[in-house]
Full PDB file with SEQRES, HELIX, SHEET, SSBOND, CRYST1, ORIGX, SCALE, CONECT and MASTER records, all heavy atoms in Angstrom:
SEQRES   1 A   38  PHE ASP GLU TYR ARG ASP SER VAL ILE GLU GLY PHE ALA          
SEQRES   2 A   38  THR TRP GLY ILE GLU PRO ASP GLY LEU PHE PHE THR SER          
SEQRES   3 A   38  LEU MET GLU GLU ASP HIS ASP GLU ASN MET PHE ASP              
HELIX    1 AA1 ASP A    2  THR A   14  1                                  13    
CRYST1    1.000    1.000    1.000  90.00  90.00  90.00 P 1           1          
ORIGX1      1.000000  0.000000  0.000000        0.00000                         
ORIGX2      0.000000  1.000000  0.000000        0.00000                         
ORIGX3      0.000000  0.000000  1.000000        0.00000                         
SCALE1      1.000000  0.000000  0.000000        0.00000                         
SCALE2      0.000000  1.000000  0.000000        0.00000                         
SCALE3      0.000000  0.000000  1.000000        0.00000                         
ATOM      1  N   PHE A   1      89.641 140.888  76.300  1.00  0.00           N  
ATOM      2  CA  PHE A   1      88.339 141.116  75.673  1.00  0.00           C  
ATOM      3  C   PHE A   1      88.149 140.257  74.421  1.00  0.00           C  
ATOM      4  O   PHE A   1      87.030 139.800  74.139  1.00  0.00           O  
ATOM      5  CB  PHE A   1      88.163 142.603  75.317  1.00  0.00           C  
ATOM      6  CG  PHE A   1      86.744 142.962  75.014  1.00  0.00           C  
ATOM      7  CD1 PHE A   1      85.862 143.300  76.027  1.00  0.00           C  
ATOM      8  CD2 PHE A   1      86.248 142.916  73.708  1.00  0.00           C  
ATOM      9  CE1 PHE A   1      84.530 143.604  75.758  1.00  0.00           C  
ATOM     10  CE2 PHE A   1      84.927 143.221  73.435  1.00  0.00           C  
ATOM     11  CZ  PHE A   1      84.063 143.566  74.465  1.00  0.00           C  
ATOM     12  N   ASP A   2      89.210 140.040  73.685  1.00  0.00           N  
ATOM     13  CA  ASP A   2      89.096 139.175  72.495  1.00  0.00           C  
ATOM     14  C   ASP A   2      88.661 137.768  72.892  1.00  0.00           C  
ATOM     15  O   ASP A   2      87.865 137.127  72.188  1.00  0.00           O  
ATOM     16  CB  ASP A   2      90.427 139.129  71.752  1.00  0.00           C  
ATOM     17  CG  ASP A   2      90.738 140.440  71.028  1.00  0.00           C  
ATOM     18  OD1 ASP A   2      89.782 141.201  70.790  1.00  0.00           O  
ATOM     19  OD2 ASP A   2      91.913 140.677  70.720  1.00  0.00           O  
ATOM     20  N   GLU A   3      89.192 137.312  74.009  1.00  0.00           N  
ATOM     21  CA  GLU A   3      88.804 135.984  74.487  1.00  0.00           C  
ATOM     22  C   GLU A   3      87.335 135.981  74.919  1.00  0.00           C  
ATOM     23  O   GLU A   3      86.604 135.008  74.691  1.00  0.00           O  
ATOM     24  CB  GLU A   3      89.706 135.566  75.653  1.00  0.00           C  
ATOM     25  CG  GLU A   3      91.161 135.317  75.243  1.00  0.00           C  
ATOM     26  CD  GLU A   3      92.015 134.896  76.426  1.00  0.00           C  
ATOM     27  OE1 GLU A   3      91.438 134.593  77.495  1.00  0.00           O  
ATOM     28  OE2 GLU A   3      93.240 134.864  76.269  1.00  0.00           O  
ATOM     29  N   TYR A   4      86.940 137.076  75.554  1.00  0.00           N  
ATOM     30  CA  TYR A   4      85.536 137.189  75.954  1.00  0.00           C  
ATOM     31  C   TYR A   4      84.626 137.162  74.733  1.00  0.00           C  
ATOM     32  O   TYR A   4      83.607 136.464  74.703  1.00  0.00           O  
ATOM     33  CB  TYR A   4      85.325 138.482  76.748  1.00  0.00           C  
ATOM     34  CG  TYR A   4      83.869 138.745  77.070  1.00  0.00           C  
ATOM     35  CD1 TYR A   4      83.212 138.050  78.077  1.00  0.00           C  
ATOM     36  CD2 TYR A   4      83.137 139.692  76.334  1.00  0.00           C  
ATOM     37  CE1 TYR A   4      81.865 138.287  78.359  1.00  0.00           C  
ATOM     38  CE2 TYR A   4      81.801 139.934  76.612  1.00  0.00           C  
ATOM     39  CZ  TYR A   4      81.175 139.232  77.623  1.00  0.00           C  
ATOM     40  OH  TYR A   4      79.847 139.455  77.904  1.00  0.00           O  
ATOM     41  N   ARG A   5      84.980 137.946  73.702  1.00  0.00           N  
ATOM     42  CA  ARG A   5      84.191 137.979  72.466  1.00  0.00           C  
ATOM     43  C   ARG A   5      84.094 136.584  71.859  1.00  0.00           C  
ATOM     44  O   ARG A   5      83.004 136.145  71.453  1.00  0.00           O  
ATOM     45  CB  ARG A   5      84.818 138.938  71.459  1.00  0.00           C  
ATOM     46  CG  ARG A   5      84.024 139.016  70.144  1.00  0.00           C  
ATOM     47  CD  ARG A   5      84.762 139.802  69.073  1.00  0.00           C  
ATOM     48  NE  ARG A   5      84.885 141.222  69.417  1.00  0.00           N  
ATOM     49  CZ  ARG A   5      86.016 141.800  69.801  1.00  0.00           C  
ATOM     50  NH1 ARG A   5      87.143 141.084  69.898  1.00  0.00           N  
ATOM     51  NH2 ARG A   5      86.051 143.087  70.094  1.00  0.00           N  
ATOM     52  N   ASP A   6      85.220 135.876  71.807  1.00  0.00           N  
ATOM     53  CA  ASP A   6      85.232 134.519  71.236  1.00  0.00           C  
ATOM     54  C   ASP A   6      84.337 133.580  72.043  1.00  0.00           C  
ATOM     55  O   ASP A   6      83.656 132.717  71.478  1.00  0.00           O  
ATOM     56  CB  ASP A   6      86.661 133.968  71.197  1.00  0.00           C  
ATOM     57  CG  ASP A   6      87.535 134.697  70.175  1.00  0.00           C  
ATOM     58  OD1 ASP A   6      86.967 135.357  69.281  1.00  0.00           O  
ATOM     59  OD2 ASP A   6      88.775 134.594  70.283  1.00  0.00           O  
ATOM     60  N   SER A   7      84.336 133.777  73.368  1.00  0.00           N  
ATOM     61  CA  SER A   7      83.512 132.899  74.206  1.00  0.00           C  
ATOM     62  C   SER A   7      82.026 133.131  73.945  1.00  0.00           C  
ATOM     63  O   SER A   7      81.217 132.200  73.984  1.00  0.00           O  
ATOM     64  CB  SER A   7      83.825 133.123  75.690  1.00  0.00           C  
ATOM     65  OG  SER A   7      83.358 134.404  76.129  1.00  0.00           O  
ATOM     66  N   VAL A   8      81.654 134.390  73.668  1.00  0.00           N  
ATOM     67  CA  VAL A   8      80.256 134.700  73.342  1.00  0.00           C  
ATOM     68  C   VAL A   8      79.868 134.038  72.030  1.00  0.00           C  
ATOM     69  O   VAL A   8      78.823 133.387  71.928  1.00  0.00           O  
ATOM     70  CB  VAL A   8      80.046 136.232  73.266  1.00  0.00           C  
ATOM     71  CG1 VAL A   8      78.637 136.540  72.737  1.00  0.00           C  
ATOM     72  CG2 VAL A   8      80.258 136.870  74.626  1.00  0.00           C  
ATOM     73  N   ILE A   9      80.705 134.210  71.020  1.00  0.00           N  
ATOM     74  CA  ILE A   9      80.425 133.620  69.698  1.00  0.00           C  
ATOM     75  C   ILE A   9      80.326 132.105  69.807  1.00  0.00           C  
ATOM     76  O   ILE A   9      79.409 131.477  69.257  1.00  0.00           O  
ATOM     77  CB  ILE A   9      81.524 134.023  68.697  1.00  0.00           C  
ATOM     78  CG1 ILE A   9      81.486 135.541  68.460  1.00  0.00           C  
ATOM     79  CG2 ILE A   9      81.345 133.270  67.377  1.00  0.00           C  
ATOM     80  CD1 ILE A   9      82.652 136.064  67.646  1.00  0.00           C  
ATOM     81  N   GLU A  10      81.264 131.514  70.545  1.00  0.00           N  
ATOM     82  CA  GLU A  10      81.292 130.053  70.690  1.00  0.00           C  
ATOM     83  C   GLU A  10      80.058 129.550  71.438  1.00  0.00           C  
ATOM     84  O   GLU A  10      79.481 128.519  71.093  1.00  0.00           O  
ATOM     85  CB  GLU A  10      82.561 129.642  71.434  1.00  0.00           C  
ATOM     86  CG  GLU A  10      82.704 128.133  71.579  1.00  0.00           C  
ATOM     87  CD  GLU A  10      83.973 127.750  72.313  1.00  0.00           C  
ATOM     88  OE1 GLU A  10      84.860 128.622  72.501  1.00  0.00           O  
ATOM     89  OE2 GLU A  10      84.084 126.568  72.705  1.00  0.00           O  
ATOM     90  N   GLY A  11      79.638 130.305  72.467  1.00  0.00           N  
ATOM     91  CA  GLY A  11      78.472 129.884  73.247  1.00  0.00           C  
ATOM     92  C   GLY A  11      77.219 129.794  72.396  1.00  0.00           C  
ATOM     93  O   GLY A  11      76.468 128.812  72.469  1.00  0.00           O  
ATOM     94  N   PHE A  12      76.994 130.805  71.568  1.00  0.00           N  
ATOM     95  CA  PHE A  12      75.797 130.773  70.713  1.00  0.00           C  
ATOM     96  C   PHE A  12      75.941 129.736  69.600  1.00  0.00           C  
ATOM     97  O   PHE A  12      74.950 129.094  69.209  1.00  0.00           O  
ATOM     98  CB  PHE A  12      75.541 132.162  70.133  1.00  0.00           C  
ATOM     99  CG  PHE A  12      74.885 133.097  71.109  1.00  0.00           C  
ATOM    100  CD1 PHE A  12      75.649 133.928  71.928  1.00  0.00           C  
ATOM    101  CD2 PHE A  12      73.510 133.130  71.233  1.00  0.00           C  
ATOM    102  CE1 PHE A  12      75.045 134.792  72.837  1.00  0.00           C  
ATOM    103  CE2 PHE A  12      72.895 133.984  72.142  1.00  0.00           C  
ATOM    104  CZ  PHE A  12      73.668 134.810  72.960  1.00  0.00           C  
ATOM    105  N   ALA A  13      77.156 129.566  69.099  1.00  0.00           N  
ATOM    106  CA  ALA A  13      77.386 128.570  68.038  1.00  0.00           C  
ATOM    107  C   ALA A  13      77.090 127.167  68.539  1.00  0.00           C  
ATOM    108  O   ALA A  13      76.608 126.314  67.789  1.00  0.00           O  
ATOM    109  CB  ALA A  13      78.816 128.674  67.536  1.00  0.00           C  
ATOM    110  N   THR A  14      77.362 126.943  69.821  1.00  0.00           N  
ATOM    111  CA  THR A  14      77.089 125.621  70.403  1.00  0.00           C  
ATOM    112  C   THR A  14      75.600 125.287  70.311  1.00  0.00           C  
ATOM    113  O   THR A  14      75.222 124.123  70.165  1.00  0.00           O  
ATOM    114  CB  THR A  14      77.540 125.587  71.874  1.00  0.00           C  
ATOM    115  OG1 THR A  14      78.943 125.869  71.937  1.00  0.00           O  
ATOM    116  CG2 THR A  14      77.271 124.226  72.501  1.00  0.00           C  
ATOM    117  N   TRP A  15      74.769 126.307  70.357  1.00  0.00           N  
ATOM    118  CA  TRP A  15      73.317 126.114  70.235  1.00  0.00           C  
ATOM    119  C   TRP A  15      72.857 126.177  68.779  1.00  0.00           C  
ATOM    120  O   TRP A  15      71.655 126.181  68.508  1.00  0.00           O  
ATOM    121  CB  TRP A  15      72.590 127.184  71.043  1.00  0.00           C  
ATOM    122  CG  TRP A  15      72.501 126.856  72.500  1.00  0.00           C  
ATOM    123  CD1 TRP A  15      73.530 126.805  73.400  1.00  0.00           C  
ATOM    124  CD2 TRP A  15      71.313 126.525  73.230  1.00  0.00           C  
ATOM    125  NE1 TRP A  15      73.064 126.479  74.646  1.00  0.00           N  
ATOM    126  CE2 TRP A  15      71.693 126.297  74.570  1.00  0.00           C  
ATOM    127  CE3 TRP A  15      69.972 126.420  72.901  1.00  0.00           C  
ATOM    128  CZ2 TRP A  15      70.789 125.961  75.570  1.00  0.00           C  
ATOM    129  CZ3 TRP A  15      69.058 126.079  73.888  1.00  0.00           C  
ATOM    130  CH2 TRP A  15      69.470 125.844  75.205  1.00  0.00           C  
ATOM    131  N   GLY A  16      73.789 126.239  67.868  1.00  0.00           N  
ATOM    132  CA  GLY A  16      73.428 126.303  66.454  1.00  0.00           C  
ATOM    133  C   GLY A  16      72.900 127.659  66.049  1.00  0.00           C  
ATOM    134  O   GLY A  16      72.135 127.774  65.093  1.00  0.00           O  
ATOM    135  N   ILE A  17      73.318 128.708  66.787  1.00  0.00           N  
ATOM    136  CA  ILE A  17      72.820 130.064  66.523  1.00  0.00           C  
ATOM    137  C   ILE A  17      73.903 130.871  65.821  1.00  0.00           C  
ATOM    138  O   ILE A  17      75.007 131.034  66.357  1.00  0.00           O  
ATOM    139  CB  ILE A  17      72.416 130.772  67.831  1.00  0.00           C  
ATOM    140  CG1 ILE A  17      71.339 129.961  68.571  1.00  0.00           C  
ATOM    141  CG2 ILE A  17      71.931 132.189  67.551  1.00  0.00           C  
ATOM    142  CD1 ILE A  17      71.128 130.391  70.006  1.00  0.00           C  
ATOM    143  N   GLU A  18      73.580 131.356  64.656  1.00  0.00           N  
ATOM    144  CA  GLU A  18      74.484 132.244  63.926  1.00  0.00           C  
ATOM    145  C   GLU A  18      73.770 133.576  63.733  1.00  0.00           C  
ATOM    146  O   GLU A  18      72.968 133.736  62.807  1.00  0.00           O  
ATOM    147  CB  GLU A  18      74.863 131.643  62.577  1.00  0.00           C  
ATOM    148  CG  GLU A  18      75.910 132.454  61.832  1.00  0.00           C  
ATOM    149  CD  GLU A  18      76.338 131.803  60.533  1.00  0.00           C  
ATOM    150  OE1 GLU A  18      76.020 130.602  60.327  1.00  0.00           O  
ATOM    151  OE2 GLU A  18      76.976 132.492  59.721  1.00  0.00           O  
ATOM    152  N   PRO A  19      74.044 134.561  64.624  1.00  0.00           N  
ATOM    153  CA  PRO A  19      73.323 135.838  64.550  1.00  0.00           C  
ATOM    154  C   PRO A  19      73.672 136.596  63.280  1.00  0.00           C  
ATOM    155  O   PRO A  19      74.716 136.377  62.665  1.00  0.00           O  
ATOM    156  CB  PRO A  19      73.794 136.572  65.804  1.00  0.00           C  
ATOM    157  CG  PRO A  19      75.145 136.006  66.094  1.00  0.00           C  
ATOM    158  CD  PRO A  19      75.069 134.559  65.689  1.00  0.00           C  
ATOM    159  N   ASP A  20      72.780 137.501  62.913  1.00  0.00           N  
ATOM    160  CA  ASP A  20      73.023 138.327  61.733  1.00  0.00           C  
ATOM    161  C   ASP A  20      74.054 139.420  62.015  1.00  0.00           C  
ATOM    162  O   ASP A  20      74.572 140.043  61.086  1.00  0.00           O  
ATOM    163  CB  ASP A  20      71.707 138.945  61.253  1.00  0.00           C  
ATOM    164  CG  ASP A  20      70.758 137.887  60.724  1.00  0.00           C  
ATOM    165  OD1 ASP A  20      70.013 137.297  61.542  1.00  0.00           O  
ATOM    166  OD2 ASP A  20      70.761 137.635  59.516  1.00  0.00           O  
ATOM    167  N   GLY A  21      74.325 139.644  63.282  1.00  0.00           N  
ATOM    168  CA  GLY A  21      75.341 140.610  63.671  1.00  0.00           C  
ATOM    169  C   GLY A  21      75.546 140.558  65.168  1.00  0.00           C  
ATOM    170  O   GLY A  21      74.670 140.105  65.920  1.00  0.00           O  
ATOM    171  N   LEU A  22      76.716 141.006  65.632  1.00  0.00           N  
ATOM    172  CA  LEU A  22      77.034 140.992  67.058  1.00  0.00           C  
ATOM    173  C   LEU A  22      77.685 142.324  67.415  1.00  0.00           C  
ATOM    174  O   LEU A  22      78.685 142.723  66.803  1.00  0.00           O  
ATOM    175  CB  LEU A  22      77.974 139.826  67.382  1.00  0.00           C  
ATOM    176  CG  LEU A  22      78.523 139.742  68.806  1.00  0.00           C  
ATOM    177  CD1 LEU A  22      77.398 139.607  69.826  1.00  0.00           C  
ATOM    178  CD2 LEU A  22      79.498 138.549  68.917  1.00  0.00           C  
ATOM    179  N   PHE A  23      77.123 143.019  68.404  1.00  0.00           N  
ATOM    180  CA  PHE A  23      77.629 144.330  68.818  1.00  0.00           C  
ATOM    181  C   PHE A  23      77.917 144.322  70.315  1.00  0.00           C  
ATOM    182  O   PHE A  23      77.140 143.770  71.105  1.00  0.00           O  
ATOM    183  CB  PHE A  23      76.595 145.431  68.509  1.00  0.00           C  
ATOM    184  CG  PHE A  23      76.247 145.550  67.055  1.00  0.00           C  
ATOM    185  CD1 PHE A  23      75.174 144.844  66.511  1.00  0.00           C  
ATOM    186  CD2 PHE A  23      76.990 146.368  66.204  1.00  0.00           C  
ATOM    187  CE1 PHE A  23      74.846 144.949  65.168  1.00  0.00           C  
ATOM    188  CE2 PHE A  23      76.675 146.474  64.862  1.00  0.00           C  
ATOM    189  CZ  PHE A  23      75.607 145.767  64.342  1.00  0.00           C  
ATOM    190  N   PHE A  24      79.045 144.945  70.671  1.00  0.00           N  
ATOM    191  CA  PHE A  24      79.404 145.131  72.072  1.00  0.00           C  
ATOM    192  C   PHE A  24      79.303 146.628  72.360  1.00  0.00           C  
ATOM    193  O   PHE A  24      79.919 147.447  71.659  1.00  0.00           O  
ATOM    194  CB  PHE A  24      80.818 144.618  72.342  1.00  0.00           C  
ATOM    195  CG  PHE A  24      80.948 143.134  72.145  1.00  0.00           C  
ATOM    196  CD1 PHE A  24      81.244 142.601  70.888  1.00  0.00           C  
ATOM    197  CD2 PHE A  24      80.758 142.266  73.200  1.00  0.00           C  
ATOM    198  CE1 PHE A  24      81.356 141.243  70.700  1.00  0.00           C  
ATOM    199  CE2 PHE A  24      80.868 140.884  73.021  1.00  0.00           C  
ATOM    200  CZ  PHE A  24      81.161 140.372  71.761  1.00  0.00           C  
ATOM    201  N   THR A  25      78.515 147.003  73.364  1.00  0.00           N  
ATOM    202  CA  THR A  25      78.243 148.428  73.586  1.00  0.00           C  
ATOM    203  C   THR A  25      78.375 148.812  75.057  1.00  0.00           C  
ATOM    204  O   THR A  25      78.259 147.970  75.967  1.00  0.00           O  
ATOM    205  CB  THR A  25      76.821 148.784  73.119  1.00  0.00           C  
ATOM    206  OG1 THR A  25      75.889 148.032  73.891  1.00  0.00           O  
ATOM    207  CG2 THR A  25      76.628 148.506  71.642  1.00  0.00           C  
ATOM    208  N   SER A  26      78.581 150.112  75.247  1.00  0.00           N  
ATOM    209  CA  SER A  26      78.554 150.710  76.585  1.00  0.00           C  
ATOM    210  C   SER A  26      77.913 152.079  76.464  1.00  0.00           C  
ATOM    211  O   SER A  26      78.338 152.909  75.646  1.00  0.00           O  
ATOM    212  CB  SER A  26      79.963 150.843  77.165  1.00  0.00           C  
ATOM    213  OG  SER A  26      79.931 151.578  78.373  1.00  0.00           O  
ATOM    214  N   LEU A  27      76.887 152.308  77.263  1.00  0.00           N  
ATOM    215  CA  LEU A  27      76.253 153.627  77.306  1.00  0.00           C  
ATOM    216  C   LEU A  27      76.887 154.503  78.378  1.00  0.00           C  
ATOM    217  O   LEU A  27      76.708 155.721  78.363  1.00  0.00           O  
ATOM    218  CB  LEU A  27      74.750 153.476  77.585  1.00  0.00           C  
ATOM    219  CG  LEU A  27      73.973 152.613  76.578  1.00  0.00           C  
ATOM    220  CD1 LEU A  27      72.506 152.561  76.969  1.00  0.00           C  
ATOM    221  CD2 LEU A  27      74.126 153.134  75.163  1.00  0.00           C  
ATOM    222  N   MET A  28      77.618 153.872  79.287  1.00  0.00           N  
ATOM    223  CA  MET A  28      78.264 154.604  80.366  1.00  0.00           C  
ATOM    224  C   MET A  28      79.623 155.150  79.947  1.00  0.00           C  
ATOM    225  O   MET A  28      80.012 156.249  80.347  1.00  0.00           O  
ATOM    226  CB  MET A  28      78.431 153.670  81.575  1.00  0.00           C  
ATOM    227  CG  MET A  28      77.123 153.124  82.120  1.00  0.00           C  
ATOM    228  SD  MET A  28      76.050 154.396  82.802  1.00  0.00           S  
ATOM    229  CE  MET A  28      77.008 154.882  84.228  1.00  0.00           C  
ATOM    230  N   GLU A  29      80.355 154.372  79.150  1.00  0.00           N  
ATOM    231  CA  GLU A  29      81.686 154.801  78.693  1.00  0.00           C  
ATOM    232  C   GLU A  29      81.678 154.846  77.171  1.00  0.00           C  
ATOM    233  O   GLU A  29      81.997 153.868  76.504  1.00  0.00           O  
ATOM    234  CB  GLU A  29      82.775 153.849  79.193  1.00  0.00           C  
ATOM    235  CG  GLU A  29      82.941 153.828  80.696  1.00  0.00           C  
ATOM    236  CD  GLU A  29      84.093 152.914  81.131  1.00  0.00           C  
ATOM    237  OE1 GLU A  29      84.973 152.614  80.281  1.00  0.00           O  
ATOM    238  OE2 GLU A  29      84.098 152.501  82.298  1.00  0.00           O  
ATOM    239  N   GLU A  30      81.297 155.962  76.640  1.00  0.00           N  
ATOM    240  CA  GLU A  30      81.167 156.084  75.192  1.00  0.00           C  
ATOM    241  C   GLU A  30      82.500 155.910  74.475  1.00  0.00           C  
ATOM    242  O   GLU A  30      82.536 155.490  73.320  1.00  0.00           O  
ATOM    243  CB  GLU A  30      80.558 157.452  74.834  1.00  0.00           C  
ATOM    244  CG  GLU A  30      79.136 157.614  75.325  1.00  0.00           C  
ATOM    245  CD  GLU A  30      78.531 158.931  74.876  1.00  0.00           C  
ATOM    246  OE1 GLU A  30      79.124 159.601  74.002  1.00  0.00           O  
ATOM    247  OE2 GLU A  30      77.456 159.297  75.391  1.00  0.00           O  
ATOM    248  N   ASP A  31      83.585 156.250  75.176  1.00  0.00           N  
ATOM    249  CA  ASP A  31      84.900 156.145  74.545  1.00  0.00           C  
ATOM    250  C   ASP A  31      85.585 154.819  74.825  1.00  0.00           C  
ATOM    251  O   ASP A  31      86.785 154.664  74.600  1.00  0.00           O  
ATOM    252  CB  ASP A  31      85.795 157.309  75.022  1.00  0.00           C  
ATOM    253  CG  ASP A  31      85.956 157.317  76.539  1.00  0.00           C  
ATOM    254  OD1 ASP A  31      85.234 156.539  77.212  1.00  0.00           O  
ATOM    255  OD2 ASP A  31      86.771 158.109  77.042  1.00  0.00           O  
ATOM    256  N   HIS A  32      84.799 153.843  75.289  1.00  0.00           N  
ATOM    257  CA  HIS A  32      85.384 152.510  75.544  1.00  0.00           C  
ATOM    258  C   HIS A  32      85.945 151.959  74.239  1.00  0.00           C  
ATOM    259  O   HIS A  32      85.313 152.067  73.179  1.00  0.00           O  
ATOM    260  CB  HIS A  32      84.304 151.572  76.100  1.00  0.00           C  
ATOM    261  CG  HIS A  32      84.830 150.301  76.666  1.00  0.00           C  
ATOM    262  ND1 HIS A  32      85.354 149.289  75.898  1.00  0.00           N  
ATOM    263  CD2 HIS A  32      84.911 149.870  77.961  1.00  0.00           C  
ATOM    264  CE1 HIS A  32      85.720 148.289  76.658  1.00  0.00           C  
ATOM    265  NE2 HIS A  32      85.464 148.615  77.936  1.00  0.00           N  
ATOM    266  N   ASP A  33      87.133 151.346  74.307  1.00  0.00           N  
ATOM    267  CA  ASP A  33      87.824 150.878  73.092  1.00  0.00           C  
ATOM    268  C   ASP A  33      86.991 149.880  72.299  1.00  0.00           C  
ATOM    269  O   ASP A  33      87.105 149.818  71.060  1.00  0.00           O  
ATOM    270  CB  ASP A  33      89.168 150.244  73.467  1.00  0.00           C  
ATOM    271  CG  ASP A  33      90.172 151.272  73.961  1.00  0.00           C  
ATOM    272  OD1 ASP A  33      89.946 152.475  73.679  1.00  0.00           O  
ATOM    273  OD2 ASP A  33      91.158 150.870  74.619  1.00  0.00           O  
ATOM    274  N   GLU A  34      86.178 149.107  72.967  1.00  0.00           N  
ATOM    275  CA  GLU A  34      85.412 148.062  72.284  1.00  0.00           C  
ATOM    276  C   GLU A  34      83.962 148.482  72.013  1.00  0.00           C  
ATOM    277  O   GLU A  34      83.171 147.671  71.550  1.00  0.00           O  
ATOM    278  CB  GLU A  34      85.425 146.772  73.122  1.00  0.00           C  
ATOM    279  CG  GLU A  34      86.810 146.243  73.451  1.00  0.00           C  
ATOM    280  CD  GLU A  34      87.604 145.843  72.216  1.00  0.00           C  
ATOM    281  OE1 GLU A  34      86.977 145.571  71.157  1.00  0.00           O  
ATOM    282  OE2 GLU A  34      88.844 145.793  72.299  1.00  0.00           O  
ATOM    283  N   ASN A  35      83.625 149.706  72.324  1.00  0.00           N  
ATOM    284  CA  ASN A  35      82.249 150.163  72.170  1.00  0.00           C  
ATOM    285  C   ASN A  35      81.877 150.243  70.682  1.00  0.00           C  
ATOM    286  O   ASN A  35      82.524 150.929  69.898  1.00  0.00           O  
ATOM    287  CB  ASN A  35      82.076 151.531  72.824  1.00  0.00           C  
ATOM    288  CG  ASN A  35      80.607 151.935  72.928  1.00  0.00           C  
ATOM    289  OD1 ASN A  35      79.721 151.169  72.587  1.00  0.00           O  
ATOM    290  ND2 ASN A  35      80.358 153.150  73.396  1.00  0.00           N  
ATOM    291  N   MET A  36      80.800 149.558  70.312  1.00  0.00           N  
ATOM    292  CA  MET A  36      80.343 149.511  68.920  1.00  0.00           C  
ATOM    293  C   MET A  36      78.996 150.216  68.755  1.00  0.00           C  
ATOM    294  O   MET A  36      78.234 149.922  67.830  1.00  0.00           O  
ATOM    295  CB  MET A  36      80.232 148.051  68.447  1.00  0.00           C  
ATOM    296  CG  MET A  36      81.537 147.273  68.517  1.00  0.00           C  
ATOM    297  SD  MET A  36      81.320 145.523  68.110  1.00  0.00           S  
ATOM    298  CE  MET A  36      80.902 145.612  66.373  1.00  0.00           C  
ATOM    299  N   PHE A  37      78.716 151.152  69.636  1.00  0.00           N  
ATOM    300  CA  PHE A  37      77.418 151.820  69.567  1.00  0.00           C  
ATOM    301  C   PHE A  37      77.214 152.524  68.226  1.00  0.00           C  
ATOM    302  O   PHE A  37      76.123 152.463  67.644  1.00  0.00           O  
ATOM    303  CB  PHE A  37      77.275 152.825  70.716  1.00  0.00           C  
ATOM    304  CG  PHE A  37      75.951 153.516  70.712  1.00  0.00           C  
ATOM    305  CD1 PHE A  37      74.832 152.917  71.262  1.00  0.00           C  
ATOM    306  CD2 PHE A  37      75.800 154.776  70.121  1.00  0.00           C  
ATOM    307  CE1 PHE A  37      73.601 153.547  71.241  1.00  0.00           C  
ATOM    308  CE2 PHE A  37      74.571 155.411  70.093  1.00  0.00           C  
ATOM    309  CZ  PHE A  37      73.469 154.788  70.654  1.00  0.00           C  
ATOM    310  N   ASP A  38      78.255 153.187  67.750  1.00  0.00           N  
ATOM    311  CA  ASP A  38      78.118 153.890  66.472  1.00  0.00           C  
ATOM    312  C   ASP A  38      77.819 152.912  65.339  1.00  0.00           C  
ATOM    313  O   ASP A  38      77.005 153.197  64.446  1.00  0.00           O  
ATOM    314  CB  ASP A  38      79.393 154.670  66.159  1.00  0.00           C  
ATOM    315  CG  ASP A  38      79.583 155.865  67.090  1.00  0.00           C  
ATOM    316  OD1 ASP A  38      78.575 156.275  67.708  1.00  0.00           O  
ATOM    317  OD2 ASP A  38      80.725 156.355  67.203  1.00  0.00           O  
TER     318      ASP A  38                                                      
MASTER        0    0    0    1    0    0    0    6  317    1    0    3          
END                                                                             
């Protein structure tokens, strides 16, 4: 998952996009280890 996260950040950076924040969420698995809904 860390590699996946890095690939997302890198993909947007390639377009010169620096978001104000990045969240990974799941509405189906609230207890997912990477869920940032809160």
